[in-house]
Amino acid sequence: MKKLFMILPLVFLLCFAFSCQKQVEDVAEEPVVDVEADIEAINEIWNQYVLGANTGDLELWISLWDENGIRMAPDAPAAFGKEQIRAQMEPLFGQFNIEIAINNEEVQIAGDWAFSRGAFILSLTPKVGGETTKFEGKYLSILERQADGSWKIARDCFNYNAPPTTEKE
C-alpha cells in the first residue's frame, strides 16, 4: 500500500506533464495569420478586377472568382459557378468598353472567409458607338481563402444608388 501512495503521485505528475506537452504542441500547430497581408491581398483583387474590366480582359477578370462563386447582379438571375458567371459577362465584355472605379471601403477577415464592402462608378460605352451609360453603386462581397492561401471572390452582390444616367459621346 505504501508503494501505491508513492507511485500514484508520480503517475499523476507524468500524466500532467504529457497533457501540458500536448497543449503546447496544439498551440504551436496554429497557423500564424497576417491580417494586414490578407487585407492587402483582397485590395489587390479589386485592383485586378478594375484592370480586367477596364482593359476588356475577361480571362483576368474571371480568374478572380472561386470555382463555386455566386454573382448576384441587379435585375438579373444569380449566376452560380464560374462558367455561369462567364456566360453572364461575355456579352458585356464583348459589346461594351467598360470603365469602372472601385473604392473598397472595408475588409473584415474571419479565418478563411472575408467580406469586402465599398462603392463603385461604372461607365459602359457600346463598342459600335453610342451613348455611355453611367452607374454609381455599392457592393458587399464575400471572399474565400483558397488552398494555396490566395483569396477569390465567393459571393458578390451589388446594386445602384439611383437609375443610370446616359451621356452622348
Protein backbone atom coordinates (compact mmCIF):
# COMPACT_ATOMS: atom_id res chain seq x y z
CA MET A 1 0.00 0.00 0.00
CA LYS A 2 2.91 2.29 0.81
CA LYS A 3 4.32 1.74 -2.70
CA LEU A 4 0.93 2.70 -4.19
CA PHE A 5 1.00 6.04 -2.37
CA MET A 6 4.50 6.66 -3.71
CA ILE A 7 3.73 5.61 -7.29
CA LEU A 8 0.33 7.33 -7.58
CA PRO A 9 1.69 10.91 -7.32
CA LEU A 10 4.36 10.01 -9.86
CA VAL A 11 1.69 8.72 -12.29
CA PHE A 12 -0.36 11.92 -11.85
CA LEU A 13 2.75 14.03 -12.40
CA LEU A 14 3.61 12.17 -15.61
CA CYS A 15 0.02 12.44 -16.89
CA PHE A 16 0.02 16.18 -16.14
CA ALA A 17 3.36 16.67 -17.90
CA PHE A 18 2.20 14.82 -21.03
CA SER A 19 -1.10 16.72 -21.14
CA CYS A 20 0.80 20.03 -20.92
CA GLN A 21 3.11 18.88 -23.71
CA LYS A 22 0.11 18.08 -25.94
CA GLN A 23 -1.40 21.53 -25.26
CA VAL A 24 1.89 23.22 -26.17
CA GLU A 25 2.05 21.17 -29.40
CA ASP A 26 -1.57 22.12 -30.25
CA VAL A 27 -0.80 25.80 -29.78
CA ALA A 28 2.34 25.52 -31.90
CA GLU A 29 0.32 23.99 -34.78
CA GLU A 30 -1.99 27.02 -35.05
CA PRO A 31 -1.20 28.92 -38.24
CA VAL A 32 0.03 32.46 -37.91
CA VAL A 33 -2.47 34.83 -39.51
CA ASP A 34 -1.26 38.08 -41.02
CA VAL A 35 -4.47 40.12 -41.22
CA GLU A 36 -2.75 43.09 -42.85
CA ALA A 37 -1.35 40.86 -45.60
CA ASP A 38 -4.83 39.36 -46.14
CA ILE A 39 -6.39 42.82 -46.40
CA GLU A 40 -3.68 43.86 -48.85
CA ALA A 41 -4.31 40.72 -50.95
CA ILE A 42 -8.06 41.41 -51.02
CA ASN A 43 -7.49 45.04 -52.02
CA GLU A 44 -5.28 43.74 -54.83
CA ILE A 45 -8.17 41.57 -56.04
CA TRP A 46 -10.20 44.76 -56.56
CA ASN A 47 -7.25 46.37 -58.39
CA GLN A 48 -7.11 43.34 -60.71
CA TYR A 49 -10.90 43.39 -61.08
CA VAL A 50 -10.69 47.01 -62.29
CA LEU A 51 -7.74 46.21 -64.58
CA GLY A 52 -9.53 43.22 -66.13
CA ALA A 53 -12.76 45.14 -66.70
CA ASN A 54 -11.15 48.34 -67.96
CA THR A 55 -8.89 46.51 -70.43
CA GLY A 56 -11.61 44.10 -71.57
CA ASP A 57 -9.64 41.12 -70.25
CA LEU A 58 -12.39 38.66 -69.34
CA GLU A 59 -9.83 35.94 -68.52
CA LEU A 60 -8.13 38.12 -65.90
CA TRP A 61 -11.48 39.22 -64.51
CA ILE A 62 -12.91 35.67 -64.26
CA SER A 63 -9.67 34.38 -62.66
CA LEU A 64 -10.56 36.37 -59.54
CA TRP A 65 -13.60 34.18 -58.86
CA ASP A 66 -13.87 30.97 -56.86
CA GLU A 67 -14.99 27.96 -58.96
CA ASN A 68 -18.26 27.90 -57.00
CA GLY A 69 -18.71 31.67 -56.84
CA ILE A 70 -22.14 33.27 -56.99
CA ARG A 71 -22.72 36.64 -58.64
CA MET A 72 -25.95 38.46 -57.77
CA ALA A 73 -26.35 41.42 -60.11
CA PRO A 74 -29.38 43.71 -60.03
CA ASP A 75 -32.27 42.89 -62.38
CA ALA A 76 -30.75 39.53 -63.32
CA PRO A 77 -30.87 35.97 -62.04
CA ALA A 78 -27.98 34.88 -59.86
CA ALA A 79 -25.10 33.23 -61.72
CA PHE A 80 -23.87 30.07 -59.97
CA GLY A 81 -20.29 28.97 -60.61
CA LYS A 82 -17.52 30.38 -62.72
CA GLU A 83 -18.95 29.16 -66.04
CA GLN A 84 -22.36 30.80 -65.48
CA ILE A 85 -20.62 33.99 -64.37
CA ARG A 86 -18.51 33.90 -67.54
CA ALA A 87 -21.61 33.33 -69.70
CA GLN A 88 -23.36 36.24 -68.00
CA MET A 89 -20.39 38.57 -68.51
CA GLU A 90 -19.20 37.63 -72.03
CA PRO A 91 -21.82 39.82 -73.77
CA LEU A 92 -20.90 42.79 -71.58
CA PHE A 93 -17.18 42.41 -72.28
CA GLY A 94 -17.89 41.77 -75.97
CA GLN A 95 -20.27 44.65 -76.62
CA PHE A 96 -19.04 47.44 -74.32
CA ASN A 97 -15.96 49.36 -73.39
CA ILE A 98 -16.03 49.18 -69.61
CA GLU A 99 -14.66 51.79 -67.28
CA ILE A 100 -15.00 51.07 -63.58
CA ALA A 101 -13.53 52.63 -60.46
CA ILE A 102 -13.84 50.81 -57.15
CA ASN A 103 -13.41 52.33 -53.71
CA ASN A 104 -13.01 49.39 -51.35
CA GLU A 105 -14.04 50.89 -48.01
CA GLU A 106 -13.90 47.95 -45.61
CA VAL A 107 -12.42 44.48 -45.30
CA GLN A 108 -13.04 42.14 -42.37
CA ILE A 109 -11.26 38.80 -42.04
CA ALA A 110 -12.79 35.80 -40.25
CA GLY A 111 -10.50 32.81 -40.67
CA ASP A 112 -10.69 31.59 -44.27
CA TRP A 113 -13.55 33.97 -45.07
CA ALA A 114 -13.63 37.70 -45.50
CA PHE A 115 -16.09 40.35 -46.53
CA SER A 116 -15.37 43.42 -48.53
CA ARG A 117 -17.65 46.45 -48.81
CA GLY A 118 -17.35 49.51 -50.97
CA ALA A 119 -18.63 51.73 -53.75
CA PHE A 120 -18.14 51.86 -57.50
CA ILE A 121 -18.67 54.06 -60.52
CA LEU A 122 -19.23 52.19 -63.78
CA SER A 123 -19.44 53.51 -67.36
CA LEU A 124 -20.47 51.34 -70.31
CA THR A 125 -19.94 52.63 -73.84
CA PRO A 126 -21.06 50.49 -76.79
CA LYS A 127 -18.09 49.40 -78.89
CA VAL A 128 -20.08 50.27 -82.02
CA GLY A 129 -20.57 53.83 -80.73
CA GLY A 130 -23.46 55.48 -78.95
CA GLU A 131 -24.36 56.84 -75.55
CA THR A 132 -22.38 55.99 -72.45
CA THR A 133 -24.42 54.67 -69.56
CA LYS A 134 -23.13 55.52 -66.08
CA PHE A 135 -23.93 53.74 -62.84
CA GLU A 136 -22.99 54.54 -59.25
CA GLY A 137 -23.48 51.88 -56.65
CA LYS A 138 -22.27 49.82 -53.76
CA TYR A 139 -21.27 46.21 -53.19
CA LEU A 140 -20.84 43.64 -50.47
CA SER A 141 -18.67 40.68 -51.41
CA ILE A 142 -17.59 37.56 -49.56
CA LEU A 143 -14.17 36.14 -50.35
CA GLU A 144 -12.74 32.73 -49.52
CA ARG A 145 -9.14 31.77 -48.88
CA GLN A 146 -8.07 29.09 -51.34
CA ALA A 147 -5.93 26.03 -50.55
CA ASP A 148 -2.85 27.89 -51.84
CA GLY A 149 -3.51 30.82 -49.45
CA SER A 150 -4.80 33.20 -52.14
CA TRP A 151 -8.23 34.84 -51.96
CA LYS A 152 -11.05 34.55 -54.52
CA ILE A 153 -14.48 36.16 -54.78
CA ALA A 154 -17.01 33.62 -53.48
CA ARG A 155 -20.17 35.75 -53.38
CA ASP A 156 -20.81 39.13 -54.92
CA CYS A 157 -23.91 41.25 -54.54
CA PHE A 158 -24.26 44.85 -55.69
CA ASN A 159 -26.85 47.47 -56.51
CA TYR A 160 -27.16 51.00 -57.79
CA ASN A 161 -27.69 54.19 -55.82
CA ALA A 162 -30.01 55.61 -58.49
CA PRO A 163 -31.12 54.84 -62.02
CA PRO A 164 -28.28 55.01 -64.56
CA THR A 165 -27.59 58.20 -66.47
CA THR A 166 -26.62 58.49 -70.11
CA GLU A 167 -24.41 60.90 -71.98
CA LYS A 168 -23.57 61.22 -75.63
CA GLU A 169 -20.02 60.60 -76.87
